[in-house]
C-alpha cells in the first residue's frame, strides 16, 4: 500500500548507521508520501461540526478558517517555473495556516479554456492531415475539441501541482 511504502521509505532514509544513496530517488519517496498525506486527509479543511469540536466545546478559542484560491494557470500545456514559484509560496502560506490550527482550504484553480486555449486548438487542427480550420469544423465540433483539450491538459496541470508537493 502507498502508506506502507512511504513509511518504509521514511524508515530507510532515517535509518542510523546506513549509508544514503548518492542519488535521490524521488519516485520511490515523494509519490507514495503525497498519496499517504491525501489518504490521511491532511490537506482537507476540518469540518466545523467534526467530533473533536462537539466533544471539547471550545469553539470560542478556534482560529477563523483560512481559504486561498490558486489563480488558474492557462490550459495551454504544462506549468513553467513561474507557476512552480507561486505555487510554492502559496503552499507555504497554506501550510503555515494549518500549523497555526486554522481550518485551511487551498483550492487549486484550472483555466476555463480561454483565448490562449482556442489558439492552441486551432494550431493543432491546422497541423492535422488534412488541415482544417475552426470555421470548417463548425462551432459545436470546435467547442467539443476545446473541451477535450481542457480535459487532457487540465488534468496534467493538476498532476504537476501534486508532483510539486502542493497541499491543494
Protein backbone atom coordinates (compact mmCIF):
# COMPACT_ATOMS: atom_id res chain seq x y z
CA UNK A 1 0.00 0.00 0.00
CA UNK A 2 1.19 3.59 -0.57
CA UNK A 3 1.27 4.48 3.15
CA UNK A 4 3.33 1.37 3.86
CA UNK A 5 5.71 2.24 1.01
CA UNK A 6 6.03 5.82 2.28
CA UNK A 7 6.63 4.64 5.84
CA UNK A 8 9.23 2.12 4.61
CA UNK A 9 10.95 4.81 2.54
CA UNK A 10 10.95 7.16 5.53
CA UNK A 11 12.40 4.46 7.81
CA UNK A 12 15.02 3.77 5.16
CA UNK A 13 16.01 7.44 4.97
CA UNK A 14 16.12 7.80 8.75
CA UNK A 15 17.99 4.55 9.38
CA UNK A 16 21.01 5.29 11.53
CA UNK A 17 24.36 3.87 10.55
CA UNK A 18 23.35 3.15 6.96
CA UNK A 19 24.80 5.00 4.02
CA UNK A 20 22.47 7.09 1.94
CA UNK A 21 22.27 6.62 -1.80
CA UNK A 22 24.28 9.08 -3.81
CA UNK A 23 21.20 9.88 -5.90
CA UNK A 24 17.79 10.81 -4.52
CA UNK A 25 15.09 8.54 -5.94
CA UNK A 26 12.12 10.90 -5.81
CA UNK A 27 9.73 8.44 -7.43
CA UNK A 28 10.08 5.92 -4.62
CA UNK A 29 9.57 8.53 -1.88
CA UNK A 30 7.56 11.54 -3.00
CA UNK A 31 4.60 9.99 -4.82
CA UNK A 32 3.78 7.44 -2.07
CA UNK A 33 4.31 10.08 0.61
CA UNK A 34 1.98 12.56 -1.12
CA UNK A 35 -0.65 9.84 -1.60
CA UNK A 36 -0.34 8.96 2.09
CA UNK A 37 -0.89 12.63 3.04
CA UNK A 38 -4.02 12.72 0.88
CA UNK A 39 -5.35 9.44 2.33
CA UNK A 40 -4.94 10.86 5.84
CA UNK A 41 -6.88 13.96 4.77
CA UNK A 42 -4.05 16.28 5.75
CA UNK A 43 -4.89 18.79 3.01
CA UNK A 44 -8.64 18.82 3.64
CA UNK A 45 -10.10 21.60 5.78
CA UNK A 46 -11.55 20.47 9.09
CA UNK A 47 -15.30 20.23 9.18
CA UNK A 48 -16.78 22.84 11.52
CA UNK A 49 -19.05 20.15 13.03
CA UNK A 50 -16.40 17.48 13.49
CA UNK A 51 -16.39 15.21 16.52
CA UNK A 52 -13.46 16.91 18.24
CA UNK A 53 -15.35 20.20 18.42
CA UNK A 54 -18.51 18.52 19.68
CA UNK A 55 -16.56 16.82 22.47
CA UNK A 56 -14.40 19.78 23.51
CA UNK A 57 -17.00 22.58 23.34
CA UNK A 58 -14.11 25.04 22.92
CA UNK A 59 -15.31 26.72 19.74
CA UNK A 60 -14.55 30.22 21.09
CA UNK A 61 -10.80 29.52 21.01
CA UNK A 62 -10.80 28.20 17.46
CA UNK A 63 -8.98 30.46 14.99
CA UNK A 64 -11.05 31.55 12.00
CA UNK A 65 -10.90 29.35 8.89
CA UNK A 66 -8.48 30.28 6.10
CA UNK A 67 -9.21 29.87 2.39
CA UNK A 68 -6.99 30.66 -0.57
CA UNK A 69 -7.81 30.05 -4.22
CA UNK A 70 -4.93 29.36 -6.57
CA UNK A 71 -5.11 31.57 -9.66
CA UNK A 72 -5.87 29.30 -12.60
CA UNK A 73 -2.98 28.63 -14.98
CA UNK A 74 -3.92 28.60 -18.66
CA UNK A 75 -4.68 25.18 -20.07
CA UNK A 76 -2.09 25.73 -22.78
CA UNK A 77 0.25 22.90 -21.85
CA UNK A 78 2.31 22.41 -18.72
CA UNK A 79 3.35 24.54 -15.81
CA UNK A 80 6.55 26.57 -16.01
CA UNK A 81 8.97 27.82 -13.34
CA UNK A 82 6.84 30.89 -12.62
CA UNK A 83 3.89 28.65 -11.78
CA UNK A 84 6.13 26.50 -9.58
CA UNK A 85 7.40 29.55 -7.70
CA UNK A 86 3.96 30.96 -6.98
CA UNK A 87 2.51 27.54 -6.12
CA UNK A 88 5.37 27.09 -3.62
CA UNK A 89 4.78 30.48 -1.99
CA UNK A 90 1.03 29.88 -1.77
CA UNK A 91 1.61 26.39 -0.40
CA UNK A 92 3.88 27.79 2.33
CA UNK A 93 1.10 30.20 3.32
CA UNK A 94 -1.49 27.39 3.39
CA UNK A 95 0.76 25.08 5.45
CA UNK A 96 1.58 27.90 7.87
CA UNK A 97 -2.13 28.48 8.49
CA UNK A 98 -2.66 24.75 9.07
CA UNK A 99 0.20 24.75 11.59
CA UNK A 100 -1.49 27.68 13.36
CA UNK A 101 -4.55 25.47 13.84
CA UNK A 102 -6.78 27.11 11.25
CA UNK A 103 -9.11 25.01 9.14
CA UNK A 104 -7.43 25.65 5.76
CA UNK A 105 -8.67 25.21 2.22
CA UNK A 106 -6.11 25.75 -0.54
CA UNK A 107 -8.24 25.44 -3.66
CA UNK A 108 -6.48 24.70 -6.94
CA UNK A 109 -7.66 26.58 -9.99
CA UNK A 110 -7.75 25.41 -13.57
CA UNK A 111 -8.41 27.51 -16.62
CA UNK A 112 -11.81 27.89 -18.16
CA UNK A 113 -10.45 27.26 -21.67
CA UNK A 114 -9.97 30.84 -22.81
CA UNK A 115 -8.47 32.53 -25.83
CA UNK A 116 -4.99 31.02 -25.42
CA UNK A 117 -6.50 27.53 -25.41
CA UNK A 118 -8.55 28.37 -28.51
CA UNK A 119 -5.36 29.39 -30.30
CA UNK A 120 -3.60 26.12 -29.42
CA UNK A 121 -6.57 24.03 -30.56
CA UNK A 122 -6.65 25.96 -33.84
CA UNK A 123 -2.91 25.29 -34.32
CA UNK A 124 -3.46 21.57 -33.65
CA UNK A 125 -6.27 21.50 -36.21
CA UNK A 126 -4.00 23.18 -38.77
CA UNK A 127 -1.29 20.52 -38.21
CA UNK A 128 -3.57 17.53 -38.68
CA UNK A 129 -3.92 15.79 -42.05
CA UNK A 130 -5.84 17.20 -43.81
CA UNK A 131 -5.64 20.61 -42.11
CA UNK A 132 -8.94 22.07 -41.01
CA UNK A 133 -9.95 25.47 -39.63
CA UNK A 134 -12.39 26.07 -36.79
CA UNK A 135 -14.79 27.61 -39.32
CA UNK A 136 -14.72 24.44 -41.45
CA UNK A 137 -15.16 22.29 -38.36
CA UNK A 138 -18.21 24.20 -37.15
CA UNK A 139 -18.95 25.79 -33.78
CA UNK A 140 -20.23 22.74 -31.88
CA UNK A 141 -17.43 20.44 -33.06
CA UNK A 142 -14.80 23.11 -32.32
CA UNK A 143 -16.16 23.73 -28.82
CA UNK A 144 -16.02 19.97 -28.19
CA UNK A 145 -12.35 19.93 -29.32
CA UNK A 146 -11.59 22.79 -26.89
CA UNK A 147 -13.25 20.86 -24.04
CA UNK A 148 -11.24 17.73 -24.98
CA UNK A 149 -8.06 19.81 -24.81
CA UNK A 150 -9.08 21.21 -21.42
CA UNK A 151 -9.83 17.73 -20.03
CA UNK A 152 -6.47 16.44 -21.22
CA UNK A 153 -4.27 19.42 -20.27
CA UNK A 154 -6.22 20.49 -17.17
CA UNK A 155 -5.67 17.09 -15.55
CA UNK A 156 -1.99 17.27 -16.47
CA UNK A 157 -1.61 20.61 -14.68
CA UNK A 158 -3.26 19.24 -11.53
CA UNK A 159 -0.87 16.24 -11.65
CA UNK A 160 2.09 18.60 -11.98
CA UNK A 161 0.94 20.55 -8.91
CA UNK A 162 0.79 17.28 -6.97
CA UNK A 163 4.30 16.38 -8.15
CA UNK A 164 5.47 19.73 -6.78
CA UNK A 165 4.00 18.68 -3.43
CA UNK A 166 1.40 21.45 -3.32
CA UNK A 167 -1.09 20.84 -0.50
CA UNK A 168 -4.12 21.88 -2.51
